[in-house]
């Protein structure tokens, strides 16, 4: 029988023999932002929004469409109208509950060297999530499938600038709806060893996701000690948490796993049209959900989520990568800091149908605000296209390159006698060049960021190489990454236990989970 060490030796030999792309050699680490966060709002304006949010919670209330949640709220003294399922809550109660959540926590990975800090001045990037379709230049736009899910998880695993692998990077539509989250769980836990994100679509789904994580990480007590996955809960704006989301909140909070509490608000449709009102409503919805987690399990980690943008009033469609959406990211980050909570934004948003200049411009209008505002958890940072309907393979690669360049920008620059190199300036003098100096020769391979994707040849060479644009080059990159992929090692007994659990659940139609 072949030992695990023998297989590891063979994998190492294969890795050393293949050609690695520059992107593969980057370090896996969170971006540490040493700059002060941009304050888009004055302190007085932050307090105005806070006050408006408190009035929403006290005077209007939030609907929680689940009996247990209503009981939990009633037990802590909130005003509960069971006929409408609306909960009105005193601001003192809400703030006391929110204060229980930690300002920073560690998200554990299957590979301990990939554990991540969440909060403070750290920023981590996650893939797209919730995409029903995928696309690439060779196979076109198509429904998500198990094959596409596996390919995208592998690409995310291969790219160090992607820190968290979202299980819903695409929806495997060739699997029955009620089994899809099980397929997604298998993919993220076996094809990657990075931190992961799971779905919060009801009590049964959340319970199965917790059980899968417990198998992988050594038991329920182990995942409750240190969180191993995050889960996004979206308010059904305006001012409603539906049954599936509330059940997900309660199950994950009891299981000690952090929830990214994220109202999704389109100003002009799901809130008043003004961005001030939209963010005030976002704040009220987020705080209500966060407070519920702390009723369930005081001290459980939670992330304040912001996903507010505007409606295109000419079409009624969501508009992404807009100045209004950027402003909302800045404002949400300031509010999260006011409450001492980690903050979630989105980094790759756009409404383009193809990987073009519009996709790039709108993505940058999303990415820069989340970086400058010290957003801690950046969702949709790689692959987003077509307003969130499509995960594009080429867009994922382009986004990864952008994230890598952003991380390089925030690496500390050494200012010293050695780096100022006055002796080299003196040696070369006016009118010379530095290509052949000892200083350059010692450093040229490591000093600058090595791009995997950008074309910096002259036009003649570019013409000879087929006049490829960025998307065409990205096609070749993701194909090379998949060719280079090697499955990370996993204890065979754990892998077998996980597969057995998933197969048992697939064969149990008597307990079909409710999914969105």
Protein backbone atom coordinates (compact mmCIF):
# COMPACT_ATOMS: atom_id res chain seq x y z
CA UNK A 1 0.00 0.00 0.00
CA UNK A 2 1.26 3.49 -0.88
CA UNK A 3 1.84 5.63 2.21
CA UNK A 4 0.67 9.21 2.62
CA UNK A 5 4.31 10.32 2.76
CA UNK A 6 5.05 8.58 -0.56
CA UNK A 7 2.13 10.31 -2.20
CA UNK A 8 3.31 13.63 -0.75
CA UNK A 9 6.80 13.04 -2.17
CA UNK A 10 5.37 12.40 -5.62
CA UNK A 11 3.22 15.52 -5.43
CA UNK A 12 6.27 17.56 -4.45
CA UNK A 13 8.21 16.14 -7.42
CA UNK A 14 5.42 17.04 -9.82
CA UNK A 15 5.22 20.55 -8.39
CA UNK A 16 8.94 21.08 -8.87
CA UNK A 17 8.83 19.86 -12.49
CA UNK A 18 5.97 21.99 -13.79
CA UNK A 19 6.13 25.65 -14.73
CA UNK A 20 4.57 27.79 -12.05
CA UNK A 21 2.85 31.03 -12.93
CA UNK A 22 3.95 34.12 -10.98
CA UNK A 23 0.54 34.34 -9.33
CA UNK A 24 1.02 30.89 -7.75
CA UNK A 25 4.19 32.00 -5.96
CA UNK A 26 2.60 34.88 -4.07
CA UNK A 27 2.32 34.54 -0.29
CA UNK A 28 -1.05 33.68 1.24
CA UNK A 29 -1.71 36.44 3.75
CA UNK A 30 -4.33 39.02 4.60
CA UNK A 31 -3.80 42.55 3.35
CA UNK A 32 -2.67 44.71 6.26
CA UNK A 33 -3.73 48.31 5.70
CA UNK A 34 -1.37 50.68 7.51
CA UNK A 35 -3.19 53.82 6.32
CA UNK A 36 -5.93 55.49 8.37
CA UNK A 37 -9.38 54.63 7.03
CA UNK A 38 -11.06 57.21 4.82
CA UNK A 39 -13.83 59.02 6.70
CA UNK A 40 -16.46 59.85 4.10
CA UNK A 41 -18.87 61.09 6.81
CA UNK A 42 -18.31 63.46 9.67
CA UNK A 43 -18.86 62.18 13.20
CA UNK A 44 -22.06 64.22 13.34
CA UNK A 45 -23.36 62.60 10.15
CA UNK A 46 -22.58 59.11 11.49
CA UNK A 47 -24.62 59.96 14.58
CA UNK A 48 -27.50 61.25 12.44
CA UNK A 49 -27.65 57.94 10.62
CA UNK A 50 -27.35 56.04 13.90
CA UNK A 51 -30.22 58.05 15.40
CA UNK A 52 -32.41 57.40 12.35
CA UNK A 53 -31.65 53.67 12.61
CA UNK A 54 -32.58 53.62 16.28
CA UNK A 55 -35.90 55.27 15.50
CA UNK A 56 -36.57 52.66 12.80
CA UNK A 57 -35.96 49.85 15.31
CA UNK A 58 -37.98 51.47 18.10
CA UNK A 59 -40.90 52.95 16.15
CA UNK A 60 -41.28 50.80 13.02
CA UNK A 61 -39.59 47.53 13.88
CA UNK A 62 -38.27 44.55 11.93
CA UNK A 63 -40.20 41.45 10.90
CA UNK A 64 -38.73 38.09 11.96
CA UNK A 65 -40.70 35.34 10.22
CA UNK A 66 -39.92 32.54 12.68
CA UNK A 67 -41.55 31.65 15.99
CA UNK A 68 -38.38 30.84 17.92
CA UNK A 69 -36.89 34.21 17.02
CA UNK A 70 -40.01 35.96 18.28
CA UNK A 71 -39.73 34.01 21.54
CA UNK A 72 -36.06 34.95 21.89
CA UNK A 73 -36.85 38.63 21.40
CA UNK A 74 -39.76 38.51 23.83
CA UNK A 75 -37.55 36.87 26.46
CA UNK A 76 -35.12 39.82 26.44
CA UNK A 77 -37.86 42.44 26.70
CA UNK A 78 -38.50 43.53 23.11
CA UNK A 79 -42.04 44.38 22.00
CA UNK A 80 -43.27 41.50 19.85
CA UNK A 81 -46.43 41.63 17.74
CA UNK A 82 -47.02 37.98 16.90
CA UNK A 83 -49.83 38.71 14.46
CA UNK A 84 -47.46 40.67 12.20
CA UNK A 85 -44.19 39.08 13.40
CA UNK A 86 -42.79 42.58 13.88
CA UNK A 87 -40.32 43.20 16.70
CA UNK A 88 -39.74 46.67 18.09
CA UNK A 89 -36.66 47.00 20.24
CA UNK A 90 -35.31 49.64 22.56
CA UNK A 91 -31.99 51.16 21.45
CA UNK A 92 -30.41 50.40 24.82
CA UNK A 93 -31.27 46.72 24.41
CA UNK A 94 -29.90 46.61 20.86
CA UNK A 95 -26.64 48.34 21.78
CA UNK A 96 -26.10 46.13 24.82
CA UNK A 97 -26.51 43.05 22.64
CA UNK A 98 -24.30 44.31 19.81
CA UNK A 99 -21.49 45.08 22.30
CA UNK A 100 -21.24 41.37 23.09
CA UNK A 101 -19.85 40.55 19.64
CA UNK A 102 -16.04 40.56 19.30
CA UNK A 103 -14.27 43.23 17.26
CA UNK A 104 -11.86 40.68 15.75
CA UNK A 105 -11.60 36.89 15.45
CA UNK A 106 -9.61 34.22 13.63
CA UNK A 107 -11.15 32.15 10.84
CA UNK A 108 -9.64 28.67 10.86
CA UNK A 109 -8.58 26.86 7.67
CA UNK A 110 -8.03 23.17 6.98
CA UNK A 111 -4.38 24.14 6.47
CA UNK A 112 -3.49 25.95 9.73
CA UNK A 113 -0.97 28.15 7.90
CA UNK A 114 -3.96 29.68 6.10
CA UNK A 115 -5.89 30.78 9.20
CA UNK A 116 -7.05 34.37 8.74
CA UNK A 117 -7.62 37.40 10.97
CA UNK A 118 -11.05 39.00 10.54
CA UNK A 119 -11.28 42.58 11.78
CA UNK A 120 -8.92 45.37 12.74
CA UNK A 121 -6.82 46.70 9.87
CA UNK A 122 -6.85 43.42 7.95
CA UNK A 123 -8.65 42.84 4.65
CA UNK A 124 -9.37 39.39 3.22
CA UNK A 125 -10.87 38.55 -0.18
CA UNK A 126 -13.50 35.96 -1.10
CA UNK A 127 -14.73 34.68 -4.44
CA UNK A 128 -18.09 35.49 -5.96
CA UNK A 129 -21.11 33.82 -4.41
CA UNK A 130 -24.61 32.98 -5.58
CA UNK A 131 -23.98 32.89 -9.34
CA UNK A 132 -26.46 30.73 -11.28
CA UNK A 133 -24.38 30.92 -14.48
CA UNK A 134 -20.74 30.70 -15.51
CA UNK A 135 -18.92 31.80 -18.64
CA UNK A 136 -15.59 31.56 -20.39
CA UNK A 137 -14.37 32.50 -23.85
CA UNK A 138 -14.24 28.94 -25.17
CA UNK A 139 -17.43 27.38 -23.78
CA UNK A 140 -19.60 30.50 -23.54
CA UNK A 141 -22.31 31.40 -21.03
CA UNK A 142 -24.00 28.38 -19.47
CA UNK A 143 -25.79 27.15 -16.36
CA UNK A 144 -23.62 26.37 -13.36
CA UNK A 145 -22.75 22.69 -12.97
CA UNK A 146 -20.75 20.37 -10.72
CA UNK A 147 -17.92 20.52 -13.26
CA UNK A 148 -17.90 24.32 -13.19
CA UNK A 149 -18.14 24.36 -9.39
CA UNK A 150 -15.11 22.10 -9.11
CA UNK A 151 -13.11 24.11 -11.65
CA UNK A 152 -13.82 27.41 -9.92
CA UNK A 153 -12.99 26.03 -6.46
CA UNK A 154 -9.72 24.70 -7.87
CA UNK A 155 -8.91 28.11 -9.40
CA UNK A 156 -9.68 29.83 -6.10
CA UNK A 157 -7.43 27.36 -4.32
CA UNK A 158 -4.59 28.04 -6.77
CA UNK A 159 -4.67 31.83 -6.39
CA UNK A 160 -3.14 33.14 -3.11
CA UNK A 161 -4.85 36.58 -3.37
CA UNK A 162 -8.17 34.74 -2.88
CA UNK A 163 -8.39 34.00 0.83
CA UNK A 164 -11.87 32.50 1.27
CA UNK A 165 -13.60 30.00 -1.02
CA UNK A 166 -17.35 30.59 -1.22
CA UNK A 167 -19.34 27.39 -1.62
CA UNK A 168 -21.81 29.19 -3.87
CA UNK A 169 -19.17 30.41 -6.31
CA UNK A 170 -21.68 28.94 -8.74
CA UNK A 171 -24.85 26.90 -8.37
CA UNK A 172 -24.54 23.29 -9.67
CA UNK A 173 -27.82 23.17 -11.57
CA UNK A 174 -27.26 19.62 -12.81
CA UNK A 175 -27.95 18.40 -9.24
CA UNK A 176 -31.40 18.38 -7.56
CA UNK A 177 -32.01 21.64 -5.74
CA UNK A 178 -32.15 20.10 -2.27
CA UNK A 179 -28.80 18.32 -2.76
CA UNK A 180 -26.78 21.23 -4.15
CA UNK A 181 -25.41 22.50 -0.86
CA UNK A 182 -24.08 19.02 -0.14
CA UNK A 183 -22.17 19.00 -3.43
CA UNK A 184 -20.87 22.47 -2.66
CA UNK A 185 -19.71 21.34 0.78
CA UNK A 186 -17.82 18.40 -0.71
CA UNK A 187 -16.11 20.70 -3.21
CA UNK A 188 -14.90 23.38 -0.80
CA UNK A 189 -13.75 20.96 1.90
CA UNK A 190 -11.89 18.52 -0.36
CA UNK A 191 -10.64 20.57 -3.33
CA UNK A 192 -9.19 23.38 -1.22
CA UNK A 193 -7.67 23.81 2.22
CA UNK A 194 -8.43 27.53 2.53
CA UNK A 195 -11.09 29.06 4.80
CA UNK A 196 -14.60 28.59 3.45
CA UNK A 197 -18.04 30.15 3.40
CA UNK A 198 -21.28 28.15 3.49
CA UNK A 199 -24.98 28.80 2.96
CA UNK A 200 -27.52 29.78 5.62
CA UNK A 201 -30.66 28.58 3.85
CA UNK A 202 -32.71 27.23 6.70
CA UNK A 203 -32.16 25.08 9.77
CA UNK A 204 -31.59 21.78 7.95
CA UNK A 205 -29.04 23.22 5.52
CA UNK A 206 -27.17 25.00 8.29
CA UNK A 207 -27.19 21.88 10.47
CA UNK A 208 -25.76 19.75 7.66
CA UNK A 209 -23.09 22.36 6.96
CA UNK A 210 -22.14 22.37 10.64
CA UNK A 211 -21.99 18.58 10.66
CA UNK A 212 -19.78 18.51 7.55
CA UNK A 213 -17.43 21.05 9.12
CA UNK A 214 -17.33 19.02 12.35
CA UNK A 215 -16.23 15.93 10.40
CA UNK A 216 -13.44 17.88 8.68
CA UNK A 217 -12.19 19.74 11.77
CA UNK A 218 -12.38 17.08 14.45
CA UNK A 219 -15.78 17.42 16.06
CA UNK A 220 -18.49 19.88 17.00
CA UNK A 221 -16.60 21.02 20.10
CA UNK A 222 -13.61 21.95 17.94
CA UNK A 223 -15.52 24.16 15.52
CA UNK A 224 -17.33 25.84 18.41
CA UNK A 225 -13.98 26.75 19.98
CA UNK A 226 -12.71 28.47 16.84
CA UNK A 227 -14.91 29.28 13.81
CA UNK A 228 -14.18 27.43 10.57
CA UNK A 229 -16.66 28.96 8.12
CA UNK A 230 -18.64 32.11 7.57
CA UNK A 231 -22.21 32.33 6.29
CA UNK A 232 -24.02 35.22 4.68
CA UNK A 233 -27.50 36.14 5.85
CA UNK A 234 -29.38 38.66 3.71
CA UNK A 235 -32.25 40.64 5.13
CA UNK A 236 -35.28 40.54 2.87
CA UNK A 237 -35.36 44.31 2.64
CA UNK A 238 -37.25 46.33 3.59
CA UNK A 239 -37.09 45.39 7.28
CA UNK A 240 -37.72 41.65 7.06
CA UNK A 241 -35.81 38.49 7.91
CA UNK A 242 -37.57 35.53 6.29
CA UNK A 243 -37.90 32.05 7.77
CA UNK A 244 -34.87 30.50 6.06
CA UNK A 245 -32.55 33.32 7.03
CA UNK A 246 -33.71 33.40 10.66
CA UNK A 247 -33.30 29.64 10.98
CA UNK A 248 -29.80 30.00 9.54
CA UNK A 249 -28.97 32.75 12.02
CA UNK A 250 -30.07 30.67 15.00
CA UNK A 251 -28.39 27.45 13.86
CA UNK A 252 -25.03 29.02 13.02
CA UNK A 253 -24.99 31.26 16.09
CA UNK A 254 -25.58 28.22 18.31
CA UNK A 255 -22.81 26.43 16.43
CA UNK A 256 -20.34 29.24 17.09
CA UNK A 257 -19.91 30.22 13.42
CA UNK A 258 -19.78 33.86 12.29
CA UNK A 259 -22.59 35.26 10.19
CA UNK A 260 -22.09 38.05 7.69
CA UNK A 261 -25.29 39.98 8.45
CA UNK A 262 -25.97 41.75 5.17
CA UNK A 263 -29.01 43.75 4.14
CA UNK A 264 -29.18 43.91 0.33
CA UNK A 265 -30.77 47.24 -0.47
CA UNK A 266 -31.42 48.87 -3.82
CA UNK A 267 -32.14 52.52 -3.12
CA UNK A 268 -35.30 53.63 -4.85
CA UNK A 269 -36.81 50.12 -4.78
CA UNK A 270 -36.13 48.49 -1.40
CA UNK A 271 -35.56 51.74 0.50
CA UNK A 272 -36.23 55.42 -0.09
CA UNK A 273 -34.27 56.71 -3.07
CA UNK A 274 -31.82 58.84 -1.10
CA UNK A 275 -28.59 57.12 -0.08
CA UNK A 276 -28.79 58.54 3.43
CA UNK A 277 -32.12 56.78 3.98
CA UNK A 278 -30.86 53.57 2.34
CA UNK A 279 -27.85 53.38 4.65
CA UNK A 280 -29.95 54.22 7.72
CA UNK A 281 -32.28 51.34 6.83
CA UNK A 282 -29.26 49.06 6.14
CA UNK A 283 -27.92 49.93 9.57
CA UNK A 284 -31.20 49.15 11.32
CA UNK A 285 -31.58 45.82 9.54
CA UNK A 286 -27.97 44.78 10.17
CA UNK A 287 -28.07 45.70 13.87
CA UNK A 288 -31.34 43.82 14.40
CA UNK A 289 -29.87 40.64 12.93
CA UNK A 290 -26.58 41.05 14.81
CA UNK A 291 -28.44 41.54 18.07
CA UNK A 292 -30.34 38.29 17.50
CA UNK A 293 -27.08 36.34 17.18
CA UNK A 294 -26.02 37.65 20.58
CA UNK A 295 -29.31 36.62 22.18
CA UNK A 296 -28.75 33.09 20.85
CA UNK A 297 -25.06 32.85 21.77
CA UNK A 298 -23.47 35.84 23.53
CA UNK A 299 -20.01 36.54 22.15
CA UNK A 300 -20.40 34.61 18.90
CA UNK A 301 -18.46 36.37 16.10
CA UNK A 302 -20.46 38.34 13.57
CA UNK A 303 -19.63 40.61 10.65
CA UNK A 304 -21.59 43.77 9.87
CA UNK A 305 -22.44 43.52 6.18
CA UNK A 306 -23.07 46.36 3.75
CA UNK A 307 -24.49 45.70 0.29
CA UNK A 308 -26.40 48.86 -0.54
CA UNK A 309 -26.42 50.39 -3.99
CA UNK A 310 -28.83 52.25 -6.23
CA UNK A 311 -31.45 51.18 -8.72
CA UNK A 312 -31.02 52.26 -12.33
CA UNK A 313 -34.17 54.35 -12.56
CA UNK A 314 -34.26 54.07 -16.36
CA UNK A 315 -34.53 50.27 -16.31
CA UNK A 316 -35.44 49.29 -12.73
CA UNK A 317 -32.35 47.06 -12.65
CA UNK A 318 -29.70 46.96 -9.93
CA UNK A 319 -26.73 49.21 -10.64
CA UNK A 320 -23.32 48.02 -9.45
CA UNK A 321 -19.96 49.76 -9.39
CA UNK A 322 -21.61 53.16 -9.05
CA UNK A 323 -20.56 56.26 -7.08
CA UNK A 324 -23.62 55.77 -4.88
CA UNK A 325 -22.67 52.18 -4.10
CA UNK A 326 -19.11 53.33 -3.34
CA UNK A 327 -20.43 55.98 -0.94
CA UNK A 328 -22.53 53.33 0.82
CA UNK A 329 -19.43 51.15 1.32
CA UNK A 330 -17.59 54.03 2.97
CA UNK A 331 -20.59 54.91 5.15
CA UNK A 332 -21.20 51.31 6.20
CA UNK A 333 -17.57 50.88 7.22
CA UNK A 334 -17.76 53.95 9.46
CA UNK A 335 -20.91 52.63 11.11
CA UNK A 336 -19.35 49.21 11.69
CA UNK A 337 -16.34 50.87 13.33
CA UNK A 338 -18.71 52.87 15.53
CA UNK A 339 -20.11 49.60 16.88
CA UNK A 340 -16.73 47.86 17.10
CA UNK A 341 -17.58 45.19 14.50
CA UNK A 342 -15.74 43.72 11.51
CA UNK A 343 -17.19 44.99 8.23
CA UNK A 344 -18.08 43.25 4.97
CA UNK A 345 -18.16 44.94 1.55
CA UNK A 346 -17.91 43.76 -2.07
CA UNK A 347 -14.95 44.27 -4.34
CA UNK A 348 -15.69 43.16 -7.90
CA UNK A 349 -19.17 44.49 -8.63
CA UNK A 350 -20.17 45.51 -12.15
CA UNK A 351 -23.07 45.22 -14.55
CA UNK A 352 -21.10 44.50 -17.72
CA UNK A 353 -22.04 41.45 -19.80
CA UNK A 354 -18.47 40.84 -20.97
CA UNK A 355 -14.94 41.29 -19.63
CA UNK A 356 -14.41 44.81 -20.94
CA UNK A 357 -13.58 48.36 -19.89
CA UNK A 358 -16.97 48.77 -18.19
CA UNK A 359 -16.33 45.68 -16.07
CA UNK A 360 -12.91 47.03 -15.10
CA UNK A 361 -14.08 50.56 -14.30
CA UNK A 362 -17.05 49.47 -12.21
CA UNK A 363 -14.94 46.87 -10.40
CA UNK A 364 -12.42 49.55 -9.45
CA UNK A 365 -15.26 51.75 -8.22
CA UNK A 366 -16.08 48.91 -5.82
CA UNK A 367 -12.57 47.74 -4.93
CA UNK A 368 -10.97 51.05 -3.98
CA UNK A 369 -13.71 52.04 -1.49
CA UNK A 370 -13.51 48.72 0.36
CA UNK A 371 -9.72 49.02 0.60
CA UNK A 372 -9.66 52.66 1.65
CA UNK A 373 -12.43 52.17 4.20
CA UNK A 374 -10.64 49.20 5.85
CA UNK A 375 -13.32 46.70 4.91
CA UNK A 376 -12.38 43.43 6.61
CA UNK A 377 -14.22 40.82 4.57
CA UNK A 378 -14.55 41.52 0.84
CA UNK A 379 -17.06 39.32 -0.96
CA UNK A 380 -17.41 38.97 -4.73
CA UNK A 381 -13.78 40.02 -5.08
CA UNK A 382 -13.09 37.74 -8.06
CA UNK A 383 -15.28 36.57 -10.93
CA UNK A 384 -18.39 38.78 -10.73
CA UNK A 385 -20.01 39.63 -14.08
CA UNK A 386 -23.44 40.56 -15.43
CA UNK A 387 -24.76 42.09 -12.23
CA UNK A 388 -24.03 38.94 -10.23
CA UNK A 389 -25.67 36.42 -12.55
CA UNK A 390 -22.40 35.06 -13.95
CA UNK A 391 -19.07 33.92 -12.57
CA UNK A 392 -16.61 34.48 -15.39
CA UNK A 393 -13.39 32.49 -15.50
CA UNK A 394 -11.55 35.30 -17.28
CA UNK A 395 -12.93 37.96 -14.95
CA UNK A 396 -11.83 35.85 -11.98
CA UNK A 397 -8.25 35.81 -13.26
CA UNK A 398 -8.27 39.54 -14.02
CA UNK A 399 -9.67 40.26 -10.57
CA UNK A 400 -7.03 38.08 -8.94
CA UNK A 401 -4.35 40.08 -10.71
CA UNK A 402 -5.95 43.27 -9.40
CA UNK A 403 -6.08 41.91 -5.85
CA UNK A 404 -2.44 40.85 -6.06
CA UNK A 405 -1.41 44.31 -7.22
CA UNK A 406 -3.44 45.87 -4.41
CA UNK A 407 -1.70 43.67 -1.86
CA UNK A 408 1.69 44.61 -3.31
CA UNK A 409 0.79 48.29 -2.98
CA UNK A 410 0.21 47.84 0.76
CA UNK A 411 3.40 45.94 1.47
CA UNK A 412 5.78 48.03 3.59
CA UNK A 413 8.56 49.65 1.58
CA UNK A 414 11.97 49.57 3.23
CA UNK A 415 13.64 52.98 3.46
CA UNK A 416 17.26 52.40 4.43
CA UNK A 417 20.81 53.08 3.33
CA UNK A 418 20.69 49.89 1.25
CA UNK A 419 17.45 50.78 -0.55
CA UNK A 420 18.27 54.45 -1.07
CA UNK A 421 21.41 53.23 -2.89
CA UNK A 422 23.26 56.53 -2.95
CA UNK A 423 26.49 54.67 -3.75
CA UNK A 424 24.89 53.36 -6.95
CA UNK A 425 23.61 56.81 -7.89
CA UNK A 426 27.14 58.11 -7.35
CA UNK A 427 28.71 55.25 -9.35
CA UNK A 428 26.44 55.64 -12.38
CA UNK A 429 26.33 59.43 -12.26
CA UNK A 430 24.46 61.68 -14.69
CA UNK A 431 23.43 60.16 -18.00
CA UNK A 432 24.16 56.49 -17.26
CA UNK A 433 21.90 53.51 -16.59
CA UNK A 434 21.42 51.03 -13.77
CA UNK A 435 20.73 47.80 -15.65
CA UNK A 436 24.15 46.32 -14.90
CA UNK A 437 24.88 47.58 -11.41
CA UNK A 438 25.42 45.13 -8.57
CA UNK A 439 22.40 46.64 -6.80
CA UNK A 440 20.11 45.87 -9.75
CA UNK A 441 21.56 42.42 -10.40
CA UNK A 442 21.04 41.41 -6.77
CA UNK A 443 17.40 42.50 -6.73
CA UNK A 444 15.88 42.40 -10.22
CA UNK A 445 14.17 39.04 -9.76
CA UNK A 446 12.37 39.98 -6.53
CA UNK A 447 12.11 43.76 -6.31
CA UNK A 448 9.04 44.35 -8.47
CA UNK A 449 5.63 42.71 -8.68
CA UNK A 450 5.72 40.06 -11.40
CA UNK A 451 2.50 40.17 -13.41
CA UNK A 452 0.92 36.96 -14.62
CA UNK A 453 -1.43 38.73 -17.00
CA UNK A 454 -0.39 42.21 -18.07
CA UNK A 455 1.15 42.68 -21.53
CA UNK A 456 4.16 45.01 -21.51
CA UNK A 457 5.73 44.03 -24.83
CA UNK A 458 6.10 46.47 -27.67
CA UNK A 459 3.42 46.50 -30.34
CA UNK A 460 5.49 44.43 -32.75
CA UNK A 461 5.86 41.53 -30.32
CA UNK A 462 2.21 41.87 -29.28
CA UNK A 463 1.19 41.66 -32.94
CA UNK A 464 3.36 38.56 -33.51
CA UNK A 465 1.83 36.86 -30.47
CA UNK A 466 -1.71 37.13 -31.82
CA UNK A 467 -2.86 40.60 -30.71
CA UNK A 468 -4.47 39.16 -27.57
CA UNK A 469 -6.44 41.42 -25.26
CA UNK A 470 -6.58 41.00 -21.48
CA UNK A 471 -9.53 38.59 -21.54
CA UNK A 472 -7.82 36.33 -24.09
CA UNK A 473 -4.67 36.27 -21.98
CA UNK A 474 -6.79 35.49 -18.90
CA UNK A 475 -8.23 32.48 -20.75
CA UNK A 476 -4.73 31.04 -21.12
CA UNK A 477 -3.93 31.76 -17.48
CA UNK A 478 -6.92 29.95 -15.98
CA UNK A 479 -6.33 27.00 -18.28
CA UNK A 480 -2.72 26.83 -17.10
CA UNK A 481 -3.80 27.10 -13.46
CA UNK A 482 -6.22 24.20 -13.82
CA UNK A 483 -3.51 22.18 -15.54
CA UNK A 484 -1.21 22.90 -12.59
CA UNK A 485 -3.83 22.11 -9.92
CA UNK A 486 -3.04 19.45 -7.35
CA UNK A 487 -5.55 18.43 -4.74
CA UNK A 488 -4.41 19.40 -1.24
CA UNK A 489 -3.78 16.42 1.06
CA UNK A 490 -6.58 15.22 3.31
CA UNK A 491 -6.68 12.36 5.78
CA UNK A 492 -8.38 9.51 3.84
CA UNK A 493 -10.48 8.58 6.87
CA UNK A 494 -11.84 12.12 7.13
CA UNK A 495 -12.54 12.27 3.40
CA UNK A 496 -14.38 8.95 3.55
CA UNK A 497 -16.42 10.05 6.58
CA UNK A 498 -17.39 13.26 4.80
CA UNK A 499 -18.40 11.39 1.64
CA UNK A 500 -20.42 8.86 3.65
CA UNK A 501 -22.27 11.64 5.47
CA UNK A 502 -23.10 13.41 2.22
CA UNK A 503 -24.31 10.22 0.56
CA UNK A 504 -26.50 9.38 3.57
CA UNK A 505 -28.07 12.82 3.43
CA UNK A 506 -28.68 12.59 -0.30
CA UNK A 507 -30.48 9.30 0.28
CA UNK A 508 -32.77 10.69 2.99
CA UNK A 509 -35.70 12.38 1.24
CA UNK A 510 -37.71 12.30 4.47
CA UNK A 511 -35.74 15.26 5.79
CA UNK A 512 -35.51 17.50 2.77
CA UNK A 513 -34.14 20.88 3.84
CA UNK A 514 -35.91 24.06 2.86
CA UNK A 515 -33.73 26.07 0.49
CA UNK A 516 -34.05 29.44 -1.18
